[in-house]
Amino acid sequence: MAILLAIVCLGVGFLLQSVLGFWQIKHFNNRYRSFRQEGQVAIGRSKGIIRTGVILLLLVDRKANIIRAERMQGMTIFSRFKELPALKGQPLFYVDQGVERRLDPFTRKALADAKHVYRVVKAGGEVKRPKAPLSQLLAVFTRKREVSS
């Protein structure tokens, strides 16, 4: 009986996480859509496995000046986008060093990623998808072995 109860609890928890994760993705898509209606968008992210993650949405004009910035930061599915006024009015590629230093390390990493992605896309390139954390972990244990002839 205890095993059945544990299985049911795991199933309910998985279902709840799926529904709440869907809502978070829907929230992201709505924010992104509203930014896209206003202009060009640079997206940066700083992923964390155990630590906090950051997604940074930057609305930029044709000269790559930041018009609006929003950040979603956290480890849970309850994270939502919040305005980041410190970046407003800054040139994307030349953000004031004092402003950038006041950002937390995860947001700085997301800002660097947004700069990189924006630069690659504007040049007509395609951004490579980073490996998922589980894939990175498995890569440590599965090395490609060369066969010598």
Foldseek 3Di string as FASTA:
>chain_A
DVVVVVVVVVVVVVVVQVVLLVVLVVQVVVVVVVLVVVADWFWFKFDDDPDKIKIKIFRADPQQQTQWIWMFIDDGSPTHIDTDVLRHRARLVCGPPVSLVVDDPNVNRRSVRSVVCVVQVVVVHDDDDDDDPVVVVVCVVDDDDDDDD
